Amino acid sequence: MTSTTSANLMRRTLGWFLASALCLGIALPSTARASAMSPVAIAQAAAPAQTGIERAMKAVVAISPQDEAARKRNGDSEAAGGSGFVIDASGLILTNAHVVAKLDTVEVAFADGRKYKGRVLGRDGRTDLAVVKIDAEGPLPVVRFVKSSRLPLGTRVYALGNPLGNRFSVSAGIVSGYDRSYDVAWPVNFIQHDAALNPGNSGGPLITEDGEVIGINTATPPETIFDIGIGLAIPAELAEKIAAKLVADGKVVRGRLGVTASSADAGMAEALGAPGQSGLIIDAVGKGGAAERAGVRIGDLLLSVEGRKLEVVRDLSMALIDTVPGEKVKVKIVRDGKPVELSVALEADEDTAGERGKVAALSMSDGIAPDGGFTLGFELKAGAPGKVMVGKVEEASIGQMYGLYEGDELLAVDGAPVRDAAAAMTAITGSKRDVAVLRIQRAGQGTLHVALPLSAQAAKARRPGVPRRFPRGPL
């Protein structure tokens, strides 16, 4: 082979190699470029890029009671700890109020092993949020809130935290829905997702793939403790707003009406003279409080506040969540079948979330006689002069399932006062409606309202429950 032929062959081979390298994306060595890079730069270039999850995990903390003595000093045996995350490099940490419970100090631990004593700066019982402050040696890694937590359904999200004591774990899922409720009393429109949540995840962040926070993992549905594929997170917008108030003032001061109320559906509203509507029935009015001064009475059907329609107690809480004491709000009620509009100057809230409303899911076949007839299963009797009392209540009867107890005093049927036992029972059984609303007085519990179905069909259409588990609370 001649030298010319060899040279041509070498040139063709080199051209083929270069073309292949460009097509396949093969990086050719560059002596000049390599020599210009420092050893550190070369190592960084070779290292895999840090993910948003890894960055966010550096700001996640485990929160636990500082020690048993601290728990006893603060008189709290419920604080079991959970998760949190740094929202400011100076050492501000956001978590759930139920994670820190009543404690003033907690232990805060990072994934790298650092531990700090944390001071609880403030907590808000209504929204279940709290802020903890630690004094670190320098700036801390921070996770940022997204501008809007309403990402498209199906968006990939990750829950970071300490489930079941497995510290600094991550679970994955998607955004499943928005505007979810935990129960009928908690005034938060939760984000629903299916990233696994278990005890210990509370207070941890729900993040995007970029490591930005869209919510604070807070609960699974009230019927369960462990993960069932439905997780609830407080939206970032609400959490950021409440956190700022807690940092500034240590608490959130808002207004309230000063009433105790429970849900009144369309059947109850019709019985109270408001057909086709729904609202809240007033069970109690605080003595000398805002509602009493404005003229609100027990038994009133509260339809709206500032034009916002009410169906469950959380609607009222959410209508007032951004108010302040002294602010005047317009409320619409129905009394004795007539519409009334009142102006209420709000009193100061006491930062209590109220009782979580859960409705019992009992058998609805009881109370229906074997022959297909319908029985209420309770009797009324005369008490002191002018008083009507509930007598014997049969076990598992309609009366018992829907909230009547022997010894209750019956005050009114469908808003009309009662004085005679026989006449009261006639008013109940002779009603042409599906539901009778009974106002009762119970020792130790005050005034309550019981929605009593008056037919088998009405009973099957309504879920029974006892008054102490109805959605009631100071609002």
Protein backbone atom coordinates (compact mmCIF):
# COMPACT_ATOMS: atom_id res chain seq x y z
CA MET A 1 0.00 0.00 0.00
CA THR A 2 1.40 3.36 -0.98
CA SER A 3 1.86 6.19 1.48
CA THR A 4 -0.76 8.22 -0.42
CA THR A 5 -3.34 5.48 -0.14
CA SER A 6 -2.61 5.07 3.59
CA ALA A 7 -3.03 8.79 4.18
CA ASN A 8 -6.38 8.86 2.34
CA LEU A 9 -7.61 5.89 4.37
CA MET A 10 -6.64 7.58 7.63
CA ARG A 11 -8.45 10.77 6.62
CA ARG A 12 -11.64 8.84 5.74
CA THR A 13 -11.50 6.92 9.02
CA LEU A 14 -11.05 10.11 11.06
CA GLY A 15 -13.93 11.83 9.23
CA TRP A 16 -16.23 8.86 9.87
CA PHE A 17 -15.34 8.90 13.60
CA LEU A 18 -16.00 12.65 13.95
CA ALA A 19 -19.35 12.39 12.18
CA SER A 20 -20.37 9.47 14.39
CA ALA A 21 -19.36 11.36 17.51
CA LEU A 22 -21.49 14.35 16.54
CA CYS A 23 -24.54 12.19 15.72
CA LEU A 24 -24.31 10.15 18.92
CA GLY A 25 -23.41 13.06 21.18
CA ILE A 26 -20.05 11.54 22.18
CA ALA A 27 -17.91 14.07 24.02
CA LEU A 28 -14.45 14.20 22.62
CA PRO A 29 -11.61 14.90 25.06
CA SER A 30 -10.31 18.43 25.07
CA THR A 31 -6.88 18.78 26.58
CA ALA A 32 -7.13 22.55 26.60
CA ARG A 33 -10.55 22.58 28.29
CA ALA A 34 -9.59 19.96 30.87
CA SER A 35 -6.43 21.77 31.80
CA ALA A 36 -8.39 25.01 32.28
CA MET A 37 -10.76 23.45 34.89
CA SER A 38 -9.79 23.18 38.53
CA PRO A 39 -10.05 19.83 40.37
CA VAL A 40 -13.06 21.17 42.32
CA ALA A 41 -14.83 22.25 39.13
CA ILE A 42 -14.16 18.88 37.57
CA ALA A 43 -15.65 17.12 40.65
CA GLN A 44 -18.70 19.36 40.62
CA ALA A 45 -19.25 18.75 36.93
CA ALA A 46 -19.07 15.00 37.50
CA ALA A 47 -21.45 15.05 40.52
CA PRO A 48 -25.20 14.50 39.86
CA ALA A 49 -27.40 17.61 40.08
CA GLN A 50 -29.14 18.05 43.44
CA THR A 51 -32.88 17.53 43.14
CA GLY A 52 -35.56 19.83 44.50
CA ILE A 53 -36.51 17.09 46.96
CA GLU A 54 -32.96 16.87 48.30
CA ARG A 55 -32.73 20.63 48.67
CA ALA A 56 -36.08 20.80 50.46
CA MET A 57 -35.19 17.94 52.81
CA LYS A 58 -32.30 20.02 54.19
CA ALA A 59 -34.92 22.46 55.53
CA VAL A 60 -37.20 19.77 57.00
CA VAL A 61 -37.05 19.14 60.75
CA ALA A 62 -38.29 16.60 63.23
CA ILE A 63 -40.11 18.18 66.18
CA SER A 64 -40.50 16.39 69.50
CA PRO A 65 -41.09 17.29 73.16
CA GLN A 66 -37.81 18.51 74.58
CA ASP A 67 -37.96 15.97 77.40
CA GLU A 68 -40.45 14.39 79.76
CA ALA A 69 -39.80 17.03 82.41
CA ALA A 70 -40.66 19.77 79.92
CA ARG A 71 -43.94 18.07 79.12
CA LYS A 72 -44.84 17.84 82.79
CA ARG A 73 -43.85 21.46 83.44
CA ASN A 74 -46.17 22.60 80.67
CA GLY A 75 -48.93 20.29 81.83
CA ASP A 76 -49.16 18.59 78.44
CA SER A 77 -49.25 14.85 77.93
CA GLU A 78 -50.56 14.98 74.36
CA ALA A 79 -47.63 16.47 72.44
CA ALA A 80 -46.21 13.57 70.46
CA GLY A 81 -44.22 15.58 67.96
CA GLY A 82 -44.16 15.56 64.20
CA SER A 83 -42.53 17.52 61.40
CA GLY A 84 -41.86 21.09 60.34
CA PHE A 85 -39.78 23.10 57.89
CA VAL A 86 -37.69 26.26 57.85
CA ILE A 87 -39.44 29.27 56.30
CA ASP A 88 -36.80 31.88 57.17
CA ALA A 89 -33.02 31.50 57.32
CA SER A 90 -32.96 33.16 60.75
CA GLY A 91 -34.52 30.02 62.26
CA LEU A 92 -38.29 30.35 61.84
CA ILE A 93 -40.02 26.98 61.46
CA LEU A 94 -43.62 26.34 60.45
CA THR A 95 -45.54 23.34 61.78
CA ASN A 96 -48.99 22.31 63.00
CA ALA A 97 -50.36 23.60 66.30
CA HIS A 98 -51.25 20.05 67.33
CA VAL A 99 -47.61 19.01 66.89
CA VAL A 100 -46.42 21.42 69.61
CA ALA A 101 -49.73 21.23 71.53
CA LYS A 102 -49.41 23.36 74.69
CA LEU A 103 -45.61 23.17 74.98
CA ASP A 104 -43.49 26.32 75.15
CA THR A 105 -40.27 24.57 74.08
CA VAL A 106 -39.56 21.63 71.79
CA GLU A 107 -36.58 19.80 70.34
CA VAL A 108 -35.84 20.46 66.67
CA ALA A 109 -33.62 18.05 64.71
CA PHE A 110 -32.24 18.27 61.16
CA ALA A 111 -31.32 15.43 58.83
CA ASP A 112 -27.59 16.12 59.30
CA GLY A 113 -27.89 15.41 63.03
CA ARG A 114 -27.97 18.97 64.36
CA LYS A 115 -30.40 19.50 67.23
CA TYR A 116 -31.71 22.72 68.74
CA LYS A 117 -34.03 23.91 71.47
CA GLY A 118 -37.00 25.55 69.83
CA ARG A 119 -39.28 28.23 71.32
CA VAL A 120 -42.92 28.19 70.28
CA LEU A 121 -43.52 31.77 69.10
CA GLY A 122 -47.24 31.35 68.57
CA ARG A 123 -50.05 29.04 67.51
CA ASP A 124 -53.48 29.42 65.92
CA GLY A 125 -56.00 26.83 67.02
CA ARG A 126 -58.54 27.64 64.32
CA THR A 127 -56.20 26.81 61.42
CA ASP A 128 -53.91 24.41 63.35
CA LEU A 129 -50.69 26.27 62.53
CA ALA A 130 -47.74 27.20 64.76
CA VAL A 131 -44.32 28.83 64.42
CA VAL A 132 -41.19 27.68 66.27
CA LYS A 133 -37.94 29.71 66.55
CA ILE A 134 -34.45 28.24 66.91
CA ASP A 135 -31.11 30.03 67.31
CA ALA A 136 -28.69 28.45 64.83
CA GLU A 137 -25.00 29.22 64.22
CA GLY A 138 -25.72 30.73 60.84
CA PRO A 139 -28.28 31.00 58.05
CA LEU A 140 -30.40 27.89 57.58
CA PRO A 141 -31.61 26.28 54.35
CA VAL A 142 -35.11 27.43 53.47
CA VAL A 143 -37.99 26.13 51.37
CA ARG A 144 -40.10 28.66 49.52
CA PHE A 145 -43.87 28.82 49.08
CA VAL A 146 -45.21 28.69 45.55
CA LYS A 147 -47.07 31.77 44.33
CA SER A 148 -50.24 29.72 43.90
CA SER A 149 -50.92 26.32 45.40
CA ARG A 150 -53.69 25.54 42.89
CA LEU A 151 -51.63 23.45 40.50
CA PRO A 152 -53.34 21.32 37.85
CA LEU A 153 -54.94 18.11 39.09
CA GLY A 154 -52.51 15.25 38.64
CA THR A 155 -49.43 17.39 39.36
CA ARG A 156 -46.70 15.28 40.97
CA VAL A 157 -46.13 16.19 44.64
CA TYR A 158 -44.04 14.87 47.52
CA ALA A 159 -44.67 14.69 51.27
CA LEU A 160 -41.58 15.17 53.44
CA GLY A 161 -41.47 14.42 57.14
CA ASN A 162 -41.12 11.83 59.88
CA PRO A 163 -43.85 9.20 59.53
CA LEU A 164 -43.97 6.67 62.37
CA GLY A 165 -40.57 7.82 63.59
CA ASN A 166 -38.87 7.11 60.25
CA ARG A 167 -37.15 10.45 60.10
CA PHE A 168 -36.69 12.43 56.91
CA SER A 169 -38.74 10.23 54.64
CA VAL A 170 -40.39 11.16 51.36
CA SER A 171 -43.55 9.78 49.77
CA ALA A 172 -44.88 10.60 46.32
CA GLY A 173 -48.33 11.21 44.90
CA ILE A 174 -50.41 13.60 42.85
CA VAL A 175 -52.76 16.50 43.58
CA SER A 176 -56.18 14.85 43.81
CA GLY A 177 -58.47 17.80 44.52
CA TYR A 178 -59.02 21.16 46.18
CA ASP A 179 -61.39 22.74 48.70
CA ARG A 180 -61.68 19.56 50.76
CA SER A 181 -62.90 19.58 54.37
CA TYR A 182 -61.75 17.51 57.32
CA ASP A 183 -65.09 17.85 59.06
CA VAL A 184 -67.90 20.39 59.25
CA ALA A 185 -66.14 22.62 61.78
CA TRP A 186 -62.48 23.09 60.72
CA PRO A 187 -62.31 26.36 58.70
CA VAL A 188 -59.71 25.27 56.14
CA ASN A 189 -60.16 24.35 52.47
CA PHE A 190 -57.59 21.59 52.26
CA ILE A 191 -55.57 20.33 49.29
CA GLN A 192 -56.22 16.63 48.76
CA HIS A 193 -53.37 14.40 47.56
CA ASP A 194 -52.39 10.75 47.68
CA ALA A 195 -48.77 10.94 48.87
CA ALA A 196 -48.70 8.64 51.89
CA LEU A 197 -49.29 10.41 55.23
CA ASN A 198 -48.97 8.67 58.59
CA PRO A 199 -48.60 9.84 62.21
CA GLY A 200 -45.50 12.03 62.34
CA ASN A 201 -46.04 13.62 58.92
CA SER A 202 -48.06 16.43 60.49
CA GLY A 203 -46.43 19.82 59.95
CA GLY A 204 -44.20 18.66 57.11
CA PRO A 205 -44.21 20.27 53.66
CA LEU A 206 -46.02 19.09 50.56
CA ILE A 207 -43.69 20.10 47.73
CA THR A 208 -43.39 20.13 43.96
CA GLU A 209 -40.56 18.47 42.02
CA ASP A 210 -38.75 21.83 42.20
CA GLY A 211 -38.86 21.72 46.00
CA GLU A 212 -41.41 24.51 46.49
CA VAL A 213 -44.10 24.23 49.16
CA ILE A 214 -47.74 24.07 48.08
CA GLY A 215 -49.13 22.95 51.44
CA ILE A 216 -48.58 21.79 55.03
CA ASN A 217 -49.48 18.14 55.58
CA THR A 218 -51.94 18.08 58.45
CA ALA A 219 -54.38 15.19 58.47
CA THR A 220 -55.92 12.13 56.96
CA PRO A 221 -59.74 11.86 57.03
CA PRO A 222 -61.21 11.67 60.55
CA GLU A 223 -62.32 8.08 60.05
CA THR A 224 -58.71 6.88 59.93
CA ILE A 225 -55.29 7.49 61.47
CA PHE A 226 -53.03 5.91 58.88
CA ASP A 227 -52.67 6.41 55.15
CA ILE A 228 -55.64 5.42 53.00
CA GLY A 229 -54.63 7.34 49.90
CA ILE A 230 -56.28 10.60 50.97
CA GLY A 231 -53.99 13.18 52.54
CA LEU A 232 -55.00 16.74 53.50
CA ALA A 233 -52.66 19.73 53.39
CA ILE A 234 -53.26 23.34 54.42
CA PRO A 235 -52.78 25.53 51.30
CA ALA A 236 -49.57 27.54 51.15
CA GLU A 237 -51.42 30.87 50.79
CA LEU A 238 -53.27 30.44 54.09
CA ALA A 239 -50.22 29.05 55.90
CA GLU A 240 -48.00 31.94 54.78
CA LYS A 241 -50.58 34.52 55.90
CA ILE A 242 -51.10 32.95 59.33
CA ALA A 243 -47.36 32.41 59.83
CA ALA A 244 -46.69 36.12 59.31
CA LYS A 245 -49.26 37.03 61.98
CA LEU A 246 -47.83 34.50 64.43
CA VAL A 247 -44.29 35.82 63.94
CA ALA A 248 -45.45 39.41 64.43
CA ASP A 249 -47.91 38.97 67.30
CA GLY A 250 -47.61 35.41 68.61
CA LYS A 251 -51.31 34.87 67.97
CA VAL A 252 -54.15 35.59 65.58
CA VAL A 253 -56.86 37.87 66.95
CA ARG A 254 -60.15 37.57 65.07
CA GLY A 255 -63.81 38.25 65.73
CA ARG A 256 -66.69 35.93 66.53
CA LEU A 257 -70.44 36.15 67.00
CA GLY A 258 -70.53 34.52 70.41
CA VAL A 259 -73.01 31.75 69.63
CA THR A 260 -73.04 27.96 69.66
CA ALA A 261 -74.61 26.58 66.51
CA SER A 262 -75.24 23.35 64.62
CA SER A 263 -76.13 22.53 61.04
CA ALA A 264 -79.73 22.82 59.85
CA ASP A 265 -80.38 21.21 56.49
CA ALA A 266 -83.32 21.87 54.18
CA GLY A 267 -85.65 19.59 56.18
CA MET A 268 -84.92 21.40 59.44
CA ALA A 269 -85.12 24.80 57.75
CA GLU A 270 -88.57 23.99 56.37
CA ALA A 271 -89.73 22.97 59.84
CA LEU A 272 -88.52 26.33 61.14
CA GLY A 273 -90.35 28.33 58.47
CA ALA A 274 -87.64 28.69 55.82
CA PRO A 275 -88.55 26.24 53.03
CA GLY A 276 -85.94 25.68 50.35
CA GLN A 277 -83.11 27.06 52.48
CA SER A 278 -80.48 25.79 54.89
CA GLY A 279 -78.37 27.36 57.60
CA LEU A 280 -77.26 27.06 61.20
CA ILE A 281 -79.62 26.75 64.13
CA ILE A 282 -78.59 28.71 67.23
CA ASP A 283 -78.25 26.39 70.23
CA ALA A 284 -76.84 28.92 72.68
CA VAL A 285 -76.08 32.65 72.86
CA GLY A 286 -73.22 33.89 75.03
CA LYS A 287 -74.51 35.95 77.94
CA GLY A 288 -73.65 39.61 77.42
CA GLY A 289 -71.79 38.76 74.22
CA ALA A 290 -71.87 40.21 70.71
CA ALA A 291 -74.80 38.12 69.46
CA GLU A 292 -76.96 38.74 72.51
CA ARG A 293 -76.36 42.49 72.31
CA ALA A 294 -77.41 42.43 68.66
CA GLY A 295 -80.63 40.53 69.44
CA VAL A 296 -79.79 36.99 68.29
CA ARG A 297 -81.86 34.35 70.13
CA ILE A 298 -81.75 30.62 70.76
CA GLY A 299 -83.66 28.81 68.02
CA ASP A 300 -82.97 31.42 65.34
CA LEU A 301 -82.06 29.99 61.95
CA LEU A 302 -78.90 31.77 60.79
CA LEU A 303 -78.87 31.91 56.99
CA SER A 304 -75.90 34.12 56.07
CA VAL A 305 -73.13 36.44 57.26
CA GLU A 306 -72.24 39.37 55.00
CA GLY A 307 -74.11 37.62 52.19
CA ARG A 308 -72.17 34.37 52.58
CA LYS A 309 -74.61 31.46 52.78
CA LEU A 310 -74.17 29.02 55.65
CA GLU A 311 -74.73 25.28 55.64
CA VAL A 312 -72.23 23.87 58.15
CA VAL A 313 -70.35 25.41 61.05
CA ARG A 314 -67.11 25.74 59.08
CA ASP A 315 -68.92 28.14 56.74
CA LEU A 316 -69.43 30.52 59.66
CA SER A 317 -65.84 30.09 60.84
CA MET A 318 -64.53 30.84 57.35
CA ALA A 319 -66.82 33.84 57.00
CA LEU A 320 -65.24 35.32 60.14
CA ILE A 321 -61.64 34.10 59.74
CA ASP A 322 -60.30 37.47 58.56
CA THR A 323 -62.41 39.67 60.85
CA VAL A 324 -61.28 41.59 63.93
CA PRO A 325 -63.04 42.30 67.24
CA GLY A 326 -65.38 45.28 67.00
CA GLU A 327 -65.98 44.85 63.28
CA LYS A 328 -69.67 44.95 62.35
CA VAL A 329 -71.16 42.23 60.17
CA LYS A 330 -74.68 41.82 58.78
CA VAL A 331 -76.42 38.56 59.55
CA LYS A 332 -79.68 37.24 58.12
CA ILE A 333 -81.85 34.98 60.26
CA VAL A 334 -85.31 33.45 60.24
CA ARG A 335 -87.32 33.72 63.46
CA ASP A 336 -90.85 32.37 63.83
CA GLY A 337 -90.93 31.95 60.06
CA LYS A 338 -90.07 35.61 59.38
CA PRO A 339 -86.78 37.00 57.94
CA VAL A 340 -84.78 39.30 60.22
CA GLU A 341 -81.55 41.19 59.47
CA LEU A 342 -79.22 42.21 62.30
CA SER A 343 -75.88 44.00 62.62
CA VAL A 344 -73.44 42.38 65.03
CA ALA A 345 -70.32 44.07 66.43
CA LEU A 346 -67.99 41.06 66.81
CA GLU A 347 -66.36 40.08 70.08
CA ALA A 348 -62.84 38.66 70.42
CA ASP A 349 -62.34 35.03 69.51
CA GLU A 350 -60.74 32.72 72.06
CA ASP A 351 -58.54 30.85 69.57
CA THR A 352 -60.30 27.53 69.98
CA ALA A 353 -61.06 25.34 67.01
CA GLY A 354 -64.33 24.12 68.50
CA GLU A 355 -65.34 20.49 68.66
CA ARG A 356 -64.59 18.53 65.52
CA GLY A 357 -67.95 17.55 64.09
CA LYS A 358 -68.32 13.86 63.27
CA VAL A 359 -71.64 12.27 62.46
CA ALA A 360 -72.25 8.73 63.69
CA ALA A 361 -72.93 6.15 60.99
CA LEU A 362 -75.34 3.80 62.72
CA SER A 363 -77.91 1.37 61.32
CA MET A 364 -80.94 3.16 59.95
CA SER A 365 -83.24 0.13 59.96
CA ASP A 366 -83.90 0.36 63.70
CA GLY A 367 -87.11 2.21 64.58
CA ILE A 368 -88.93 0.54 61.70
CA ALA A 369 -91.39 -2.03 63.03
CA PRO A 370 -91.35 -5.62 61.68
CA ASP A 371 -94.68 -5.01 59.95
CA GLY A 372 -93.20 -2.09 58.05
CA GLY A 373 -94.61 0.53 60.43
CA PHE A 374 -92.55 3.39 61.83
CA THR A 375 -91.98 4.02 65.55
CA LEU A 376 -90.14 6.89 67.23
CA GLY A 377 -89.33 4.84 70.31
CA PHE A 378 -89.71 7.46 73.06
CA GLU A 379 -92.39 8.95 75.24
CA LEU A 380 -93.08 12.38 76.69
CA LYS A 381 -94.35 13.05 80.21
CA ALA A 382 -95.23 15.99 82.43
CA GLY A 383 -92.51 17.34 84.67
CA ALA A 384 -92.72 20.34 86.97
CA PRO A 385 -95.70 22.61 86.21
CA GLY A 386 -95.45 23.79 82.61
CA LYS A 387 -92.54 21.49 81.77
CA VAL A 388 -92.46 18.58 79.32
CA MET A 389 -89.85 15.86 79.85
CA VAL A 390 -88.58 13.02 77.71
CA GLY A 391 -89.51 9.75 79.39
CA LYS A 392 -88.34 6.26 78.45
CA VAL A 393 -86.24 6.06 75.28
CA GLU A 394 -86.02 2.61 73.73
CA GLU A 395 -82.59 1.14 72.99
CA ALA A 396 -81.52 1.61 69.33
CA SER A 397 -84.76 3.47 68.54
CA ILE A 398 -85.10 6.43 66.20
CA GLY A 399 -85.37 8.69 69.25
CA GLN A 400 -82.12 7.40 70.74
CA MET A 401 -80.16 7.31 67.48
CA TYR A 402 -81.07 10.86 66.62
CA GLY A 403 -80.13 12.27 70.01
CA LEU A 404 -82.86 12.03 72.69
CA TYR A 405 -82.11 10.93 76.24
CA GLU A 406 -84.44 10.17 79.11
CA GLY A 407 -84.57 13.22 81.35
CA ASP A 408 -84.21 15.79 78.57
CA GLU A 409 -86.57 18.74 78.90
CA LEU A 410 -88.48 19.49 75.70
CA LEU A 411 -88.68 23.25 75.17
CA ALA A 412 -90.11 23.62 71.67
CA VAL A 413 -91.26 21.71 68.58
CA ASP A 414 -90.46 23.40 65.25
CA GLY A 415 -89.78 26.61 67.13
CA ALA A 416 -93.12 26.65 68.99
CA PRO A 417 -92.86 26.46 72.82
CA VAL A 418 -94.52 23.45 74.49
CA ARG A 419 -96.31 23.24 77.86
CA ASP A 420 -98.24 19.97 77.66
CA ALA A 421 -96.79 16.49 76.97
CA ALA A 422 -99.78 15.14 75.01
CA ALA A 423 -100.03 18.25 72.85
CA ALA A 424 -96.28 18.14 72.20
CA MET A 425 -96.41 14.51 71.04
CA THR A 426 -99.38 15.34 68.79
CA ALA A 427 -97.41 18.22 67.28
CA ILE A 428 -94.56 15.81 66.50
CA THR A 429 -96.50 12.83 65.16
CA GLY A 430 -99.13 14.94 63.41
CA SER A 431 -96.61 16.96 61.40
CA LYS A 432 -96.87 16.70 57.61
CA ARG A 433 -93.16 17.39 57.23
CA ASP A 434 -90.30 14.88 57.02
CA VAL A 435 -88.48 16.28 60.06
CA ALA A 436 -89.42 17.73 63.44
CA VAL A 437 -86.95 20.05 65.11
CA LEU A 438 -86.96 19.51 68.88
CA ARG A 439 -85.35 22.06 71.17
CA ILE A 440 -84.25 20.39 74.38
CA GLN A 441 -82.50 21.32 77.60
CA ARG A 442 -80.00 18.77 78.88
CA ALA A 443 -78.31 18.88 82.25
CA GLY A 444 -74.66 19.86 81.84
CA GLN A 445 -74.97 20.54 78.10
CA GLY A 446 -77.39 23.44 77.87
CA THR A 447 -79.73 23.89 74.92
CA LEU A 448 -79.58 21.46 71.97
CA HIS A 449 -81.58 20.89 68.81
CA VAL A 450 -82.51 17.43 67.57
CA ALA A 451 -83.63 16.81 63.98
CA LEU A 452 -86.06 13.91 64.30
CA PRO A 453 -87.13 12.09 61.09
CA LEU A 454 -90.85 11.35 61.01
CA SER A 455 -90.93 8.51 58.48
CA ALA A 456 -88.89 5.51 57.44
CA GLN A 457 -88.00 7.23 54.19
CA ALA A 458 -86.84 10.37 56.01
CA ALA A 459 -84.77 8.26 58.42
CA LYS A 460 -82.99 6.53 55.55
CA ALA A 461 -82.24 9.89 53.93
CA ARG A 462 -80.61 11.33 57.07
CA ARG A 463 -77.52 10.17 58.90
CA PRO A 464 -78.17 9.82 62.64
CA GLY A 465 -75.95 11.13 65.39
CA VAL A 466 -75.93 12.29 68.98
CA PRO A 467 -75.80 16.01 69.83
CA ARG A 468 -72.41 15.88 71.52
CA ARG A 469 -70.91 14.81 68.20
CA PHE A 470 -72.74 17.30 66.04
CA PRO A 471 -70.72 20.18 64.59
CA ARG A 472 -70.95 22.63 67.46
CA GLY A 473 -68.53 25.16 68.84
CA PRO A 474 -68.01 28.76 69.98
CA LEU A 475 -68.19 30.93 66.87
